[in-house]
N, C-alpha and C. Protein backbone atom coordinates (compact mmCIF):
# COMPACT_ATOMS: atom_id res chain seq x y z
N MET A 1 1.00 -1.08 -0.05
CA MET A 1 0.07 -0.11 -0.03
C MET A 1 0.89 1.22 0.01
N ASN A 2 0.49 2.35 -0.77
CA ASN A 2 1.17 3.53 -0.70
C ASN A 2 0.79 4.72 0.15
N ILE A 3 1.16 4.50 1.42
CA ILE A 3 0.62 5.38 2.45
C ILE A 3 0.88 6.85 1.86
N SER A 4 1.92 7.20 1.32
CA SER A 4 2.35 8.73 1.04
C SER A 4 1.27 9.01 -0.10
N ALA A 5 0.86 8.19 -1.06
CA ALA A 5 -0.24 8.79 -1.77
C ALA A 5 -1.45 8.90 -1.22
N THR A 6 -1.72 8.04 -0.38
CA THR A 6 -3.11 7.91 0.43
C THR A 6 -3.02 9.37 1.16
N ILE A 7 -2.00 9.65 1.99
CA ILE A 7 -2.06 10.86 2.87
C ILE A 7 -2.20 11.94 1.89
N ASN A 8 -1.20 12.22 0.99
CA ASN A 8 -0.97 13.31 0.09
C ASN A 8 -2.30 13.59 -0.73
N VAL A 9 -3.05 12.68 -1.06
CA VAL A 9 -4.47 12.90 -1.76
C VAL A 9 -5.30 13.75 -1.14
N PHE A 10 -5.17 14.14 0.17
CA PHE A 10 -6.17 15.07 0.95
C PHE A 10 -5.65 16.41 0.53
N ARG A 11 -4.32 16.58 0.09
CA ARG A 11 -3.81 17.77 -0.40
C ARG A 11 -4.64 18.42 -1.30
N LEU A 12 -5.19 17.31 -2.08
CA LEU A 12 -5.94 17.75 -3.34
C LEU A 12 -7.46 18.43 -3.06
N ILE A 13 -7.91 18.29 -1.87
CA ILE A 13 -8.99 18.92 -1.36
C ILE A 13 -8.71 20.38 -1.31
N ARG A 14 -7.58 20.69 -0.87
CA ARG A 14 -7.26 21.98 -0.86
C ARG A 14 -6.74 22.72 -1.99
N ASP A 15 -5.90 21.96 -2.65
CA ASP A 15 -5.45 22.49 -4.01
C ASP A 15 -5.34 21.35 -5.00
N PRO A 16 -6.49 21.16 -5.81
CA PRO A 16 -6.80 20.15 -6.83
C PRO A 16 -5.77 20.50 -8.03
N THR A 17 -5.27 21.43 -8.28
CA THR A 17 -4.22 21.64 -9.30
C THR A 17 -2.73 20.89 -9.16
N LEU A 18 -2.64 20.40 -7.98
CA LEU A 18 -1.55 19.47 -7.74
C LEU A 18 -1.38 18.25 -8.57
N CYS A 19 -2.60 17.83 -9.16
CA CYS A 19 -2.37 16.49 -10.05
C CYS A 19 -2.99 17.03 -11.55
N LEU A 20 -2.63 18.38 -11.87
CA LEU A 20 -2.81 18.73 -13.26
C LEU A 20 -1.42 18.65 -13.84
N ALA A 21 -1.18 17.90 -14.92
CA ALA A 21 -0.01 17.75 -15.72
C ALA A 21 0.20 19.09 -16.57
N HIS A 22 1.60 19.17 -16.76
CA HIS A 22 1.86 20.60 -17.67
C HIS A 22 1.88 19.83 -19.16
N CYS A 23 2.02 18.78 -19.34
CA CYS A 23 1.83 18.24 -20.75
C CYS A 23 1.33 16.78 -20.63
N THR A 24 0.51 16.32 -21.62
CA THR A 24 -0.12 15.06 -21.38
C THR A 24 0.08 14.48 -22.93
N ILE A 25 0.52 13.23 -22.72
CA ILE A 25 0.92 12.59 -24.16
C ILE A 25 0.29 11.10 -24.26
N PRO A 26 0.07 10.69 -25.54
CA PRO A 26 -0.54 9.30 -25.45
C PRO A 26 0.34 8.32 -25.06
N SER A 27 1.75 8.24 -25.34
CA SER A 27 2.60 7.06 -24.88
C SER A 27 3.86 7.77 -24.72
N PHE A 28 4.81 6.81 -24.28
CA PHE A 28 6.34 7.12 -23.94
C PHE A 28 6.99 7.46 -25.18
N ASN A 29 6.48 6.77 -26.38
CA ASN A 29 7.14 7.20 -27.69
C ASN A 29 6.71 8.71 -28.13
N ASP A 30 5.81 9.14 -27.57
CA ASP A 30 5.45 10.69 -27.84
C ASP A 30 6.16 11.72 -27.43
N LEU A 31 7.23 11.35 -26.59
CA LEU A 31 8.01 12.28 -25.73
C LEU A 31 8.71 13.01 -26.71
N GLN A 32 8.66 14.13 -26.61
CA GLN A 32 9.58 15.21 -27.41
C GLN A 32 10.95 15.58 -26.81
N ILE A 33 12.04 15.23 -27.36
CA ILE A 33 13.23 15.45 -26.80
C ILE A 33 13.97 16.43 -27.58
N PRO A 34 14.55 17.59 -27.00
CA PRO A 34 14.71 17.77 -25.69
C PRO A 34 13.17 18.06 -24.85
N LEU A 35 12.97 17.59 -23.56
CA LEU A 35 11.72 17.64 -23.05
C LEU A 35 11.31 19.34 -23.00
N SER A 36 12.34 20.16 -22.96
CA SER A 36 12.01 21.51 -22.78
C SER A 36 10.78 22.18 -23.92
N LYS A 37 11.00 21.43 -25.05
CA LYS A 37 10.16 21.64 -25.98
C LYS A 37 8.72 21.19 -26.02
N ALA A 38 8.54 20.10 -25.09
CA ALA A 38 7.31 19.52 -25.04
C ALA A 38 6.23 20.45 -24.26
N ILE A 39 7.03 21.17 -23.34
CA ILE A 39 6.19 22.04 -22.20
C ILE A 39 6.03 23.43 -22.59
N ASN A 40 4.88 23.77 -22.52
CA ASN A 40 4.44 25.30 -22.78
C ASN A 40 4.47 25.80 -21.38
N GLY A 41 5.54 26.71 -21.08
CA GLY A 41 5.60 27.30 -19.83
C GLY A 41 4.85 28.26 -19.28
N ARG A 42 4.02 28.93 -20.25
CA ARG A 42 2.97 30.08 -20.28
C ARG A 42 3.62 31.17 -19.45
N GLY A 43 4.70 31.44 -20.29
CA GLY A 43 5.46 32.56 -19.80
C GLY A 43 6.48 32.36 -19.12
N ARG A 44 6.53 31.10 -18.39
CA ARG A 44 7.68 30.82 -17.48
C ARG A 44 8.85 29.95 -18.42
N GLU A 45 10.01 30.41 -17.98
CA GLU A 45 11.09 29.82 -18.42
C GLU A 45 11.07 28.28 -18.41
N VAL A 46 11.11 27.33 -19.36
CA VAL A 46 11.45 25.68 -19.39
C VAL A 46 12.77 25.41 -19.83
N ASP A 47 13.63 25.11 -18.59
CA ASP A 47 14.95 24.65 -19.12
C ASP A 47 15.27 23.21 -18.16
N ILE A 48 14.95 22.25 -18.99
CA ILE A 48 14.95 20.82 -18.29
C ILE A 48 16.17 20.59 -18.32
N GLN A 49 16.97 20.29 -17.27
CA GLN A 49 18.24 19.72 -17.33
C GLN A 49 18.32 18.31 -16.74
N ALA A 50 17.21 17.67 -16.05
CA ALA A 50 17.30 16.47 -15.73
C ALA A 50 15.96 15.79 -15.71
N VAL A 51 15.71 14.59 -15.78
CA VAL A 51 14.53 13.83 -16.09
C VAL A 51 14.45 12.83 -15.14
N VAL A 52 13.04 12.70 -14.39
CA VAL A 52 12.77 11.55 -13.56
C VAL A 52 11.63 10.65 -14.42
N LEU A 53 12.07 9.49 -14.41
CA LEU A 53 11.04 8.54 -14.91
C LEU A 53 10.56 7.57 -13.97
N ASP A 54 9.34 7.39 -13.99
CA ASP A 54 8.40 6.44 -13.44
C ASP A 54 8.50 5.25 -14.21
N LYS A 55 8.52 4.05 -13.70
CA LYS A 55 8.55 2.67 -14.42
C LYS A 55 7.70 1.90 -14.83
N ASP A 56 6.92 1.54 -14.00
CA ASP A 56 5.60 0.87 -14.37
C ASP A 56 4.52 1.62 -15.06
N ASP A 57 3.97 1.04 -16.18
CA ASP A 57 2.98 1.61 -17.09
C ASP A 57 3.64 2.92 -17.63
N CYS A 58 4.78 3.10 -17.56
CA CYS A 58 5.25 4.57 -18.30
C CYS A 58 6.26 3.90 -19.30
N PHE A 59 7.40 3.29 -19.07
CA PHE A 59 8.46 3.10 -20.18
C PHE A 59 8.37 1.29 -19.94
N ALA A 60 7.86 0.93 -19.11
CA ALA A 60 7.95 -0.64 -18.82
C ALA A 60 6.46 -0.89 -18.50
N LYS A 61 6.31 -2.40 -18.88
CA LYS A 61 5.00 -3.08 -18.38
C LYS A 61 4.94 -3.05 -16.94
N SER A 62 3.80 -2.87 -16.23
CA SER A 62 3.70 -3.17 -14.81
C SER A 62 4.67 -4.49 -14.30
N LYS A 63 5.33 -4.41 -13.31
CA LYS A 63 5.97 -5.40 -12.72
C LYS A 63 7.26 -5.99 -13.65
N GLU A 64 7.49 -5.37 -14.75
CA GLU A 64 8.63 -5.78 -15.48
C GLU A 64 9.69 -4.82 -15.40
N ASN A 65 11.04 -5.37 -15.34
CA ASN A 65 12.32 -4.39 -15.40
C ASN A 65 12.77 -4.33 -16.37
N ILE A 66 12.28 -4.19 -17.40
CA ILE A 66 13.07 -4.13 -18.95
C ILE A 66 12.07 -2.98 -19.57
N VAL A 67 12.73 -2.21 -20.42
CA VAL A 67 11.93 -1.34 -21.42
C VAL A 67 11.07 -2.11 -22.16
N PHE A 68 9.94 -1.59 -22.20
CA PHE A 68 8.86 -2.01 -23.18
C PHE A 68 9.37 -1.96 -24.76
N GLU A 69 9.39 -3.03 -25.44
CA GLU A 69 10.19 -3.35 -26.62
C GLU A 69 9.84 -2.28 -27.69
N PRO A 70 8.58 -1.73 -27.69
CA PRO A 70 8.07 -0.49 -28.84
C PRO A 70 8.89 0.73 -28.32
N TYR A 71 9.32 0.84 -27.10
CA TYR A 71 9.91 2.10 -26.49
C TYR A 71 11.42 2.18 -26.42
N ILE A 72 12.07 1.06 -26.94
CA ILE A 72 13.44 1.21 -26.61
C ILE A 72 14.29 2.11 -27.17
N GLU A 73 13.87 2.52 -28.46
CA GLU A 73 14.68 3.46 -29.47
C GLU A 73 14.35 5.01 -28.66
N LYS A 74 13.15 5.18 -28.21
CA LYS A 74 12.81 6.36 -27.48
C LYS A 74 13.64 6.53 -26.10
N PHE A 75 13.73 5.41 -25.57
CA PHE A 75 14.41 5.43 -24.19
C PHE A 75 15.77 5.73 -24.32
N LYS A 76 16.53 5.12 -25.46
CA LYS A 76 17.93 5.42 -25.95
C LYS A 76 18.06 6.74 -26.14
N SER A 77 17.32 7.43 -26.92
CA SER A 77 17.37 8.78 -27.38
C SER A 77 17.21 9.74 -26.09
N LEU A 78 16.44 9.31 -25.02
CA LEU A 78 16.37 9.92 -23.96
C LEU A 78 17.50 9.88 -23.04
N ARG A 79 17.93 8.68 -23.02
CA ARG A 79 19.33 8.44 -22.13
C ARG A 79 20.53 9.16 -22.84
N THR A 80 20.51 9.31 -24.26
CA THR A 80 21.51 10.19 -24.78
C THR A 80 21.45 11.73 -24.52
N ALA A 81 20.18 12.20 -24.47
CA ALA A 81 19.89 13.65 -24.15
C ALA A 81 20.17 14.09 -22.73
N TYR A 82 19.93 13.14 -21.82
CA TYR A 82 20.10 13.19 -20.56
C TYR A 82 21.10 12.24 -19.97
N PRO A 83 22.43 12.49 -20.16
CA PRO A 83 23.22 11.32 -19.76
C PRO A 83 23.47 11.09 -18.19
N GLY A 84 24.14 10.20 -17.88
CA GLY A 84 24.62 10.19 -16.42
C GLY A 84 23.55 10.43 -15.35
N SER A 85 23.83 11.28 -14.62
CA SER A 85 23.07 11.46 -13.48
C SER A 85 21.80 12.61 -13.74
N ARG A 86 21.76 13.02 -15.07
CA ARG A 86 20.49 13.94 -15.58
C ARG A 86 19.42 12.73 -15.73
N LEU A 87 19.29 11.49 -15.64
CA LEU A 87 18.35 10.70 -15.95
C LEU A 87 18.19 9.81 -14.71
N LEU A 88 16.96 9.74 -14.04
CA LEU A 88 16.78 8.80 -12.85
C LEU A 88 15.51 8.34 -12.86
N ILE A 89 15.49 6.96 -12.44
CA ILE A 89 14.31 6.23 -12.55
C ILE A 89 13.70 6.29 -10.84
N VAL A 90 12.42 6.68 -10.57
CA VAL A 90 11.90 6.51 -9.41
C VAL A 90 10.65 5.77 -9.35
N SER A 91 10.77 4.66 -8.93
CA SER A 91 9.44 3.89 -9.09
C SER A 91 9.02 3.46 -7.64
N ASN A 92 7.73 3.23 -7.57
CA ASN A 92 7.04 2.77 -6.35
C ASN A 92 6.99 1.34 -6.07
N SER A 93 7.99 0.59 -6.81
CA SER A 93 8.27 -0.77 -6.52
C SER A 93 9.72 -1.04 -6.56
N ALA A 94 10.38 -0.74 -7.55
CA ALA A 94 11.90 -1.13 -7.44
C ALA A 94 12.65 0.11 -6.57
N GLY A 95 13.41 -0.22 -5.68
CA GLY A 95 14.03 0.88 -5.00
C GLY A 95 13.52 1.34 -3.59
N THR A 96 12.32 0.64 -3.31
CA THR A 96 11.62 1.05 -2.10
C THR A 96 11.58 0.01 -1.08
N GLY A 97 10.73 0.05 -0.25
CA GLY A 97 10.63 -0.93 0.88
C GLY A 97 9.78 -2.22 0.26
N ASP A 98 9.44 -2.14 -0.84
CA ASP A 98 8.71 -3.48 -1.39
C ASP A 98 9.85 -4.20 -2.26
N ASP A 99 11.08 -3.54 -2.17
CA ASP A 99 12.05 -4.26 -2.80
C ASP A 99 13.29 -4.20 -1.63
N PRO A 100 12.99 -5.14 -0.69
CA PRO A 100 13.88 -4.89 0.42
C PRO A 100 15.60 -5.39 0.13
N ASN A 101 15.71 -6.13 -0.71
CA ASN A 101 17.13 -6.57 -1.10
C ASN A 101 17.68 -5.64 -2.21
N GLY A 102 16.57 -4.73 -2.64
CA GLY A 102 17.17 -4.24 -3.98
C GLY A 102 17.36 -4.84 -5.27
N LYS A 103 16.80 -5.96 -5.48
CA LYS A 103 17.16 -6.98 -6.49
C LYS A 103 16.51 -6.35 -7.76
N GLU A 104 15.25 -5.96 -7.46
CA GLU A 104 14.35 -5.41 -8.72
C GLU A 104 15.33 -4.04 -9.15
N ALA A 105 15.67 -3.23 -8.14
CA ALA A 105 16.50 -1.96 -8.52
C ALA A 105 17.67 -2.27 -9.40
N GLU A 106 18.48 -3.28 -8.95
CA GLU A 106 19.66 -3.70 -9.60
C GLU A 106 19.28 -4.26 -11.05
N ALA A 107 18.37 -5.15 -11.13
CA ALA A 107 17.89 -5.63 -12.32
C ALA A 107 17.53 -4.47 -13.31
N LEU A 108 16.80 -3.62 -12.74
CA LEU A 108 16.20 -2.40 -13.68
C LEU A 108 17.53 -1.37 -14.06
N GLU A 109 18.54 -1.36 -13.20
CA GLU A 109 19.68 -0.54 -13.59
C GLU A 109 20.57 -1.27 -14.62
N LYS A 110 20.52 -2.61 -14.44
CA LYS A 110 21.48 -3.51 -15.57
C LYS A 110 20.79 -3.37 -16.78
N ALA A 111 19.44 -3.51 -16.92
CA ALA A 111 18.58 -3.54 -18.12
C ALA A 111 18.48 -2.10 -18.84
N THR A 112 18.59 -0.99 -18.05
CA THR A 112 18.27 0.33 -18.75
C THR A 112 19.64 1.14 -18.61
N GLY A 113 20.64 0.72 -17.78
CA GLY A 113 21.87 1.78 -17.70
C GLY A 113 21.51 3.00 -16.98
N VAL A 114 20.27 3.04 -16.31
CA VAL A 114 20.04 4.25 -15.37
C VAL A 114 19.82 3.96 -14.05
N THR A 115 20.37 4.95 -13.31
CA THR A 115 20.16 4.71 -11.75
C THR A 115 18.67 4.74 -11.43
N VAL A 116 18.43 3.87 -10.47
CA VAL A 116 17.26 3.83 -9.76
C VAL A 116 17.49 4.25 -8.25
N LEU A 117 16.59 5.32 -8.20
CA LEU A 117 16.56 5.91 -6.61
C LEU A 117 16.16 4.93 -5.67
N ARG A 118 17.11 4.71 -4.57
CA ARG A 118 16.49 4.04 -3.42
C ARG A 118 16.08 5.14 -2.47
N HIS A 119 14.74 4.63 -2.17
CA HIS A 119 14.09 5.85 -1.36
C HIS A 119 13.14 5.11 -0.44
N SER A 120 12.94 5.63 0.80
CA SER A 120 12.18 5.07 1.94
C SER A 120 10.59 5.44 1.73
N THR A 121 10.30 6.61 1.23
CA THR A 121 8.88 6.97 1.10
C THR A 121 8.57 6.78 -0.44
N LYS A 122 7.44 6.29 -0.49
CA LYS A 122 7.06 6.27 -1.92
C LYS A 122 6.59 7.62 -2.49
N LYS A 123 6.30 7.74 -4.04
CA LYS A 123 5.65 8.90 -4.48
C LYS A 123 4.39 9.18 -4.03
N PRO A 124 3.93 10.38 -3.78
CA PRO A 124 4.68 11.44 -4.31
C PRO A 124 5.58 11.90 -3.00
N GLY A 125 5.50 11.39 -1.85
CA GLY A 125 6.30 11.98 -0.79
C GLY A 125 7.72 11.88 -0.93
N CYS A 126 8.10 11.19 -1.82
CA CYS A 126 9.85 10.90 -1.93
C CYS A 126 10.48 12.24 -2.39
N TRP A 127 9.85 13.29 -2.88
CA TRP A 127 10.27 14.24 -3.59
C TRP A 127 11.51 15.03 -2.98
N PRO A 128 11.63 14.97 -1.48
CA PRO A 128 12.93 15.45 -0.95
C PRO A 128 14.04 14.59 -1.11
N GLU A 129 13.88 13.23 -1.23
CA GLU A 129 15.00 12.33 -1.72
C GLU A 129 15.31 12.61 -3.18
N VAL A 130 14.33 12.78 -3.84
CA VAL A 130 14.65 13.15 -5.51
C VAL A 130 15.71 14.41 -5.44
N LEU A 131 15.14 15.46 -4.84
CA LEU A 131 15.95 16.73 -4.95
C LEU A 131 17.31 16.58 -4.36
N ARG A 132 17.44 15.76 -3.34
CA ARG A 132 18.60 15.39 -2.61
C ARG A 132 19.76 14.67 -3.76
N TYR A 133 18.80 13.56 -4.28
CA TYR A 133 19.96 13.19 -5.32
C TYR A 133 20.50 14.01 -6.19
N PHE A 134 19.67 14.99 -6.84
CA PHE A 134 20.13 15.73 -8.04
C PHE A 134 21.18 16.77 -7.20
N HIS A 135 20.90 17.32 -5.86
CA HIS A 135 21.73 18.12 -5.30
C HIS A 135 23.21 17.49 -5.15
N ASN A 136 23.17 16.18 -4.81
CA ASN A 136 24.50 15.58 -4.69
C ASN A 136 25.12 14.94 -6.04
N ALA A 137 24.70 15.35 -7.08
CA ALA A 137 24.86 15.00 -8.52
C ALA A 137 25.23 16.22 -9.13
N PRO A 138 26.22 16.78 -8.93
CA PRO A 138 26.82 18.14 -9.71
C PRO A 138 26.86 18.11 -11.17
N ASP A 139 26.89 16.87 -11.76
CA ASP A 139 26.93 16.73 -13.28
C ASP A 139 25.67 16.82 -13.78
N ALA A 140 24.65 16.69 -13.01
CA ALA A 140 23.09 16.72 -13.49
C ALA A 140 22.96 18.20 -13.94
N GLY A 141 23.61 19.04 -13.46
CA GLY A 141 23.36 20.57 -13.62
C GLY A 141 21.99 21.24 -13.36
N VAL A 142 21.43 20.64 -12.21
CA VAL A 142 20.30 21.03 -11.48
C VAL A 142 20.62 22.01 -10.53
N ILE A 143 20.15 23.35 -10.52
CA ILE A 143 20.13 24.26 -9.46
C ILE A 143 18.96 24.70 -8.72
N ARG A 144 17.86 24.24 -9.47
CA ARG A 144 16.63 24.47 -9.01
C ARG A 144 15.46 23.54 -9.44
N PRO A 145 14.58 23.03 -8.68
CA PRO A 145 13.61 22.27 -9.01
C PRO A 145 12.97 22.24 -10.32
N SER A 146 12.71 23.65 -10.86
CA SER A 146 12.24 23.82 -11.97
C SER A 146 13.06 23.39 -13.25
N GLN A 147 14.24 22.79 -12.92
CA GLN A 147 14.93 22.19 -14.05
C GLN A 147 14.66 20.56 -14.27
N ILE A 148 13.83 20.25 -13.48
CA ILE A 148 13.62 18.75 -13.50
C ILE A 148 12.33 18.51 -14.00
N ALA A 149 12.09 17.35 -15.02
CA ALA A 149 10.74 17.00 -15.37
C ALA A 149 10.66 15.73 -15.00
N ILE A 150 9.20 15.36 -14.43
CA ILE A 150 8.83 14.27 -13.98
C ILE A 150 8.21 13.60 -14.97
N VAL A 151 8.42 12.39 -15.64
CA VAL A 151 7.59 11.75 -16.62
C VAL A 151 6.96 10.55 -15.91
N GLY A 152 5.60 10.38 -16.07
CA GLY A 152 4.92 9.14 -15.46
C GLY A 152 3.50 9.16 -15.79
N ASP A 153 2.78 7.99 -15.39
CA ASP A 153 1.36 7.66 -15.94
C ASP A 153 0.47 8.06 -14.86
N ARG A 154 0.81 8.34 -13.83
CA ARG A 154 -0.10 8.41 -12.65
C ARG A 154 -0.13 9.97 -12.15
N LEU A 155 -1.54 10.49 -12.06
CA LEU A 155 -1.59 11.84 -11.55
C LEU A 155 -1.45 11.90 -9.91
N SER A 156 -1.91 11.17 -9.37
CA SER A 156 -1.67 11.23 -7.92
C SER A 156 -0.29 10.92 -7.47
N THR A 157 0.71 10.45 -8.16
CA THR A 157 1.86 10.19 -7.73
C THR A 157 3.01 10.97 -8.43
N ASP A 158 2.96 10.67 -9.92
CA ASP A 158 3.94 11.41 -10.60
C ASP A 158 3.72 12.80 -10.65
N VAL A 159 2.60 13.27 -11.23
CA VAL A 159 2.34 14.63 -11.35
C VAL A 159 2.28 15.32 -10.15
N MET A 160 1.59 14.68 -9.20
CA MET A 160 1.66 15.38 -7.85
C MET A 160 2.99 15.74 -7.20
N MET A 161 3.93 14.46 -7.24
CA MET A 161 5.17 14.97 -6.85
C MET A 161 6.02 16.12 -7.75
N ALA A 162 5.68 16.21 -8.85
CA ALA A 162 6.33 17.33 -9.72
C ALA A 162 5.74 18.58 -9.07
N SER A 163 4.49 18.73 -8.83
CA SER A 163 3.78 19.92 -8.29
C SER A 163 4.44 20.32 -6.96
N MET A 164 4.36 19.25 -6.08
CA MET A 164 5.14 19.55 -4.79
C MET A 164 6.54 19.94 -4.82
N MET A 165 7.34 19.24 -5.75
CA MET A 165 8.64 19.68 -6.01
C MET A 165 8.95 21.16 -6.48
N GLY A 166 7.99 21.41 -7.49
CA GLY A 166 8.29 22.95 -8.18
C GLY A 166 8.68 22.61 -9.43
N SER A 167 8.52 21.23 -10.06
CA SER A 167 9.03 20.71 -11.34
C SER A 167 7.86 20.59 -12.31
N TRP A 168 8.54 20.41 -13.50
CA TRP A 168 7.45 20.15 -14.63
C TRP A 168 7.04 18.69 -14.65
N SER A 169 5.76 18.45 -15.00
CA SER A 169 5.26 16.99 -15.20
C SER A 169 4.84 16.62 -16.66
N ILE A 170 5.09 15.46 -17.02
CA ILE A 170 4.55 14.92 -18.22
C ILE A 170 3.86 13.68 -17.93
N CYS A 171 2.64 13.84 -18.23
CA CYS A 171 1.79 12.47 -17.96
C CYS A 171 1.77 11.75 -19.31
N VAL A 172 1.94 10.38 -19.32
CA VAL A 172 1.93 9.56 -20.28
C VAL A 172 0.79 8.43 -20.26
N GLY A 173 0.38 8.09 -21.42
CA GLY A 173 -0.57 7.36 -21.40
C GLY A 173 -0.04 5.86 -21.00
N PRO A 174 -0.74 4.89 -20.37
CA PRO A 174 -0.10 3.64 -19.92
C PRO A 174 0.33 2.65 -21.04
N VAL A 175 1.35 1.97 -20.51
CA VAL A 175 1.73 0.83 -21.40
C VAL A 175 0.52 -0.32 -21.58
N ALA A 176 0.00 -0.36 -20.39
CA ALA A 176 -0.81 -1.46 -20.20
C ALA A 176 -2.20 -1.18 -20.93
N LYS A 177 -2.74 -2.04 -21.79
CA LYS A 177 -4.09 -1.90 -22.47
C LYS A 177 -5.25 -1.93 -21.87
N GLN A 178 -5.23 -2.99 -20.85
CA GLN A 178 -6.40 -3.08 -19.99
C GLN A 178 -6.47 -2.36 -18.73
N ARG A 179 -7.58 -1.62 -18.71
CA ARG A 179 -7.69 -0.83 -17.28
C ARG A 179 -9.01 -0.93 -17.02
N ALA A 180 -9.23 -0.67 -15.75
CA ALA A 180 -10.52 -0.83 -15.12
C ALA A 180 -11.44 0.14 -15.85
N LEU A 181 -12.72 0.26 -16.29
CA LEU A 181 -13.53 1.12 -16.55
C LEU A 181 -13.46 2.42 -15.94
N VAL A 182 -13.77 2.29 -14.69
CA VAL A 182 -13.61 3.28 -13.62
C VAL A 182 -12.43 4.18 -14.03
N GLY A 183 -11.36 3.46 -13.94
CA GLY A 183 -9.93 4.13 -14.06
C GLY A 183 -9.81 4.91 -15.35
N VAL A 184 -10.35 4.17 -16.48
CA VAL A 184 -10.27 4.99 -17.67
C VAL A 184 -11.01 6.12 -17.76
N HIS A 185 -12.09 6.23 -17.05
CA HIS A 185 -12.97 7.36 -17.15
C HIS A 185 -12.51 8.49 -16.24
N ALA A 186 -11.72 8.00 -15.04
CA ALA A 186 -11.34 8.90 -14.03
C ALA A 186 -10.05 9.52 -14.91
N ARG A 187 -9.16 8.72 -15.32
CA ARG A 187 -8.02 9.26 -16.14
C ARG A 187 -8.32 10.27 -17.20
N THR A 188 -9.46 10.02 -18.13
CA THR A 188 -9.96 10.90 -19.04
C THR A 188 -10.67 12.35 -18.32
N LEU A 189 -11.28 12.14 -17.49
CA LEU A 189 -11.54 13.44 -16.72
C LEU A 189 -10.64 14.13 -16.28
N LEU A 190 -9.60 13.60 -15.59
CA LEU A 190 -8.43 14.42 -15.07
C LEU A 190 -7.67 14.96 -16.16
N ARG A 191 -7.33 14.17 -17.15
CA ARG A 191 -6.47 14.77 -18.32
C ARG A 191 -7.22 15.84 -18.88
N SER A 192 -8.47 16.01 -18.87
CA SER A 192 -9.13 17.12 -19.47
C SER A 192 -8.88 18.33 -18.75
N LEU A 193 -8.49 18.10 -17.74
CA LEU A 193 -8.24 19.28 -16.61
C LEU A 193 -6.60 19.83 -16.72
N THR A 194 -6.12 19.14 -17.55
CA THR A 194 -4.48 19.62 -17.71
C THR A 194 -4.28 20.79 -18.13
N VAL A 195 -3.19 21.46 -17.38
CA VAL A 195 -2.82 22.82 -17.48
C VAL A 195 -2.25 23.01 -18.86
């Protein structure tokens, strides 16, 4: 269970805009690289220096630690555009307490060549750990949270974390084709509210 998301969802009562993505795209393959071009800053400068990727239903099928085959080329392009510490995977499965020995995180790092953040609190509450990672990685070139883009499929975790951090969010359609009918309708409604 994701206690962080459950607790933080109450913030939406006070500020529903926390779960509004800056950009919404149908799939991971639709990412525009560099990501600064994908986001309309509406008068604010968009200078993306680093990217945080969700795993499940974003670039990988749920519960799999490899890049979904149709997304391999886009993933490689993203890794080239944001090399080294500038690309980070933050999952609510790999690298968390649900992965106590770190085996999933290690398998994912081996398959992708990208660091997986080990974090004690799940998204969206792990945002301080994400910022600490980039603060301790000077080669990432991040001097403020607005230089980070969060790419993920969930409004209540990925997009909300970006909002809480002061970062940009890109919401992607899920890898999984089968969704509960209620989930599809809720996602459609929330996406129609995207800023």
